[in-house]
Structures are given as C-alpha cells and as structure tokens.
C-alpha cells in the first residue's frame, strides 16, 4: 500500500462540478492499493498516518533559525484534532518503464481494491470519528484541490518498512 501524505490548510474533492468533500486543517491522503496488499498493510498504514508527527506544537518554541510557529514535527493528526481527506489513487502504482503509456498491472483491481480502501477508511474513522475522515468517490473522475502547508509531502509504502 502506497500513500502520498500531504499536510494541508484546506482541501476539497469535486465530482461533476459538485464539491462532495472538504476539510480544513489536516491531511490529504492519496491512497494506492497494490495487488500484494492485505488487511495487514491497511492496519500498518492507518497506524502510521494516525501517529505521524507532521504538526507543530504552538505552545513550544521552534528552537530553529527558520520561521516556524511552534516546535515542528511535534504533534500527530490526533493531537491537533485535524481532519483527513482520503482519495483513492490507483495511478500511484503506474509503471512507465516501457514506452509512453502507463502500465497499471501492479494496482489492485475493482472490488477488492474498493474493499481494502473502505477498510482503511474504517481504521482511520475508528480513531478520529466519522466526521473527521472524508473521502472522494471511489472510481470517479475527481478534481482534488488543496493548499499544501509547509509544503509537507511524504510518500510511504508499507512494503518499504521491512
């Protein structure tokens, strides 16, 4: 399972010219499910996302020469009460090694991908609550808009953790 994690001030997903989800401060997750992924990967990724310290502790001094408001890398999405906007993104498993057309054979197909993706959302919602975890529309053409804060963008694959 591969996820692009972006710290945002705000974000939204639009389908057919209608905003279907939006969040304020939090994380946008672009989520790719591979043919090798299982419930173990889902649990591992959810745990990592929920505990990842990407937010500042505004009550403490930054302790750096750069212009941080608060101590960087101190708080998780749970600690700051932030929101998550998760978007399914099978193209994260595209291969462009041969030719000019992307090959998606490593991306999980249809119903199994949707089942694993929904399981991932449920893991996040168990901790943050339904109102704090929004998502796009699985399989739809979506426009994703966001204000990346920092910018902070991290890519993590559960297969890289070994």
Protein backbone atom coordinates (compact mmCIF):
# COMPACT_ATOMS: atom_id res chain seq x y z
CA UNK A 1 0.00 0.00 0.00
CA UNK A 2 1.37 3.35 -1.01
CA UNK A 3 0.17 6.72 0.27
CA UNK A 4 1.13 10.28 -0.53
CA UNK A 5 0.58 12.24 2.69
CA UNK A 6 0.16 16.00 2.38
CA UNK A 7 -0.28 18.43 5.26
CA UNK A 8 -2.93 20.96 4.26
CA UNK A 9 -4.66 24.12 5.43
CA UNK A 10 -7.74 23.10 3.45
CA UNK A 11 -8.74 20.67 0.72
CA UNK A 12 -11.73 19.52 -1.27
CA UNK A 13 -12.85 16.93 -3.81
CA UNK A 14 -15.17 17.83 -6.67
CA UNK A 15 -17.05 15.32 -8.85
CA UNK A 16 -19.11 16.52 -11.81
CA UNK A 17 -18.72 20.17 -10.73
CA UNK A 18 -20.05 19.49 -7.21
CA UNK A 19 -17.91 19.58 -4.06
CA UNK A 20 -18.50 16.22 -2.37
CA UNK A 21 -15.96 16.52 0.48
CA UNK A 22 -13.92 19.22 2.11
CA UNK A 23 -11.72 19.66 5.14
CA UNK A 24 -9.86 22.41 6.97
CA UNK A 25 -6.50 21.77 8.71
CA UNK A 26 -5.30 18.22 8.35
CA UNK A 27 -4.01 15.71 5.85
CA UNK A 28 -4.81 14.78 2.27
CA UNK A 29 -4.05 11.13 1.57
CA UNK A 30 -3.66 9.87 -1.98
CA UNK A 31 -4.07 6.13 -1.47
CA UNK A 32 -2.87 3.38 -3.78
CA UNK A 33 -3.68 -0.28 -3.20
CA UNK A 34 -1.43 -2.87 -4.88
CA UNK A 35 -2.10 -6.45 -5.90
CA UNK A 36 0.12 -7.56 -2.98
CA UNK A 37 -1.73 -5.64 -0.24
CA UNK A 38 -3.71 -7.21 2.59
CA UNK A 39 -5.53 -6.19 5.77
CA UNK A 40 -2.11 -6.16 7.47
CA UNK A 41 -0.98 -3.37 5.11
CA UNK A 42 -4.21 -1.46 5.79
CA UNK A 43 -3.66 -1.63 9.54
CA UNK A 44 0.01 -0.71 9.24
CA UNK A 45 -0.75 2.33 7.06
CA UNK A 46 -3.62 3.58 9.20
CA UNK A 47 -1.47 3.32 12.32
CA UNK A 48 1.39 5.20 10.64
CA UNK A 49 -0.84 8.00 9.33
CA UNK A 50 -2.57 8.48 12.68
CA UNK A 51 0.69 8.64 14.67
CA UNK A 52 2.88 10.53 12.18
CA UNK A 53 4.06 13.81 13.74
CA UNK A 54 3.66 16.40 11.00
CA UNK A 55 2.20 19.26 13.03
CA UNK A 56 3.72 21.94 15.23
CA UNK A 57 3.29 22.33 18.97
CA UNK A 58 2.42 26.02 19.06
CA UNK A 59 2.91 26.16 22.83
CA UNK A 60 6.65 25.47 22.48
CA UNK A 61 9.46 27.47 20.91
CA UNK A 62 10.57 26.25 17.48
CA UNK A 63 14.21 26.03 18.53
CA UNK A 64 15.30 26.63 14.93
CA UNK A 65 16.54 29.58 12.91
CA UNK A 66 13.78 29.11 10.33
CA UNK A 67 10.40 30.76 10.75
CA UNK A 68 8.32 28.08 12.44
CA UNK A 69 5.35 28.89 14.59
CA UNK A 70 5.87 26.42 17.39
CA UNK A 71 8.03 23.34 17.67
CA UNK A 72 7.97 21.44 14.34
CA UNK A 73 7.26 17.71 13.96
CA UNK A 74 5.76 17.51 17.45
CA UNK A 75 2.10 16.55 17.03
CA UNK A 76 0.01 13.99 15.16
CA UNK A 77 -3.35 14.43 13.42
CA UNK A 78 -4.93 13.05 16.60
CA UNK A 79 -3.11 15.60 18.80
CA UNK A 80 -4.24 18.61 16.76
CA UNK A 81 -7.80 17.38 16.17
CA UNK A 82 -7.27 17.67 12.41
CA UNK A 83 -9.24 16.18 9.56
CA UNK A 84 -8.32 13.72 6.82
CA UNK A 85 -9.41 13.79 3.20
CA UNK A 86 -8.57 10.44 1.60
CA UNK A 87 -8.64 9.91 -2.17
CA UNK A 88 -8.24 6.54 -3.88
CA UNK A 89 -5.39 6.79 -6.39
CA UNK A 90 -4.64 3.61 -8.35
CA UNK A 91 -2.21 5.59 -10.53
CA UNK A 92 0.33 5.51 -7.68
CA UNK A 93 1.15 2.00 -8.93
CA UNK A 94 1.70 3.06 -12.54
CA UNK A 95 4.85 1.82 -14.23
CA UNK A 96 6.36 3.90 -17.04
CA UNK A 97 9.45 1.75 -17.56
CA UNK A 98 8.39 0.72 -21.07
CA UNK A 99 7.02 3.07 -23.69
CA UNK A 100 4.94 6.14 -23.02
CA UNK A 101 1.66 4.60 -21.83
CA UNK A 102 1.42 3.90 -18.08
CA UNK A 103 1.02 0.24 -17.09
CA UNK A 104 -1.23 -0.34 -14.06
CA UNK A 105 -0.82 -4.11 -13.58
CA UNK A 106 0.52 -3.63 -10.02
CA UNK A 107 -2.62 -1.74 -8.93
CA UNK A 108 -5.34 -3.82 -7.27
CA UNK A 109 -8.47 -4.18 -9.40
CA UNK A 110 -12.05 -3.05 -8.78
CA UNK A 111 -14.00 -4.62 -5.95
CA UNK A 112 -11.02 -5.93 -3.97
CA UNK A 113 -9.33 -2.51 -4.16
CA UNK A 114 -12.55 -0.85 -3.01
CA UNK A 115 -12.95 -3.31 -0.15
CA UNK A 116 -9.40 -2.68 1.10
CA UNK A 117 -9.77 1.08 0.64
CA UNK A 118 -13.02 1.10 2.65
CA UNK A 119 -11.28 -0.93 5.36
CA UNK A 120 -8.54 1.71 5.50
CA UNK A 121 -11.14 4.47 5.95
CA UNK A 122 -12.81 2.48 8.73
CA UNK A 123 -9.47 2.12 10.58
CA UNK A 124 -9.00 5.90 10.45
CA UNK A 125 -12.61 6.57 11.49
CA UNK A 126 -12.34 4.23 14.48
CA UNK A 127 -9.82 6.65 15.96
CA UNK A 128 -10.80 10.07 14.57
CA UNK A 129 -14.54 9.61 14.12
CA UNK A 130 -16.73 9.70 11.00
CA UNK A 131 -16.91 13.50 10.90
CA UNK A 132 -13.11 13.89 10.77
CA UNK A 133 -12.41 11.43 7.91
CA UNK A 134 -13.76 12.39 4.50
CA UNK A 135 -13.12 10.78 1.15
CA UNK A 136 -13.65 11.17 -2.56
CA UNK A 137 -15.75 8.90 -4.76
CA UNK A 138 -14.06 5.58 -5.49
CA UNK A 139 -13.55 5.07 -9.22
CA UNK A 140 -14.82 8.52 -10.22
CA UNK A 141 -13.01 11.27 -12.12
CA UNK A 142 -12.23 13.69 -9.30
CA UNK A 143 -10.77 17.17 -9.05
CA UNK A 144 -8.71 17.47 -5.88
CA UNK A 145 -7.93 20.96 -4.63
CA UNK A 146 -5.69 21.71 -1.69
CA UNK A 147 -3.48 24.26 -0.01
CA UNK A 148 -0.37 22.27 0.93
CA UNK A 149 1.04 23.68 4.16
CA UNK A 150 4.81 23.87 4.51
CA UNK A 151 4.86 22.36 1.93
CA UNK A 152 4.90 18.97 3.61
CA UNK A 153 4.56 15.93 1.36
CA UNK A 154 5.63 12.42 2.34
CA UNK A 155 5.33 9.21 0.34
CA UNK A 156 5.25 5.90 2.21
CA UNK A 157 4.79 2.34 1.04
CA UNK A 158 4.07 -0.38 3.58
CA UNK A 159 6.42 -2.67 1.64
CA UNK A 160 9.30 -0.25 2.35
CA UNK A 161 9.08 -0.84 6.10
CA UNK A 162 10.95 -4.15 6.05
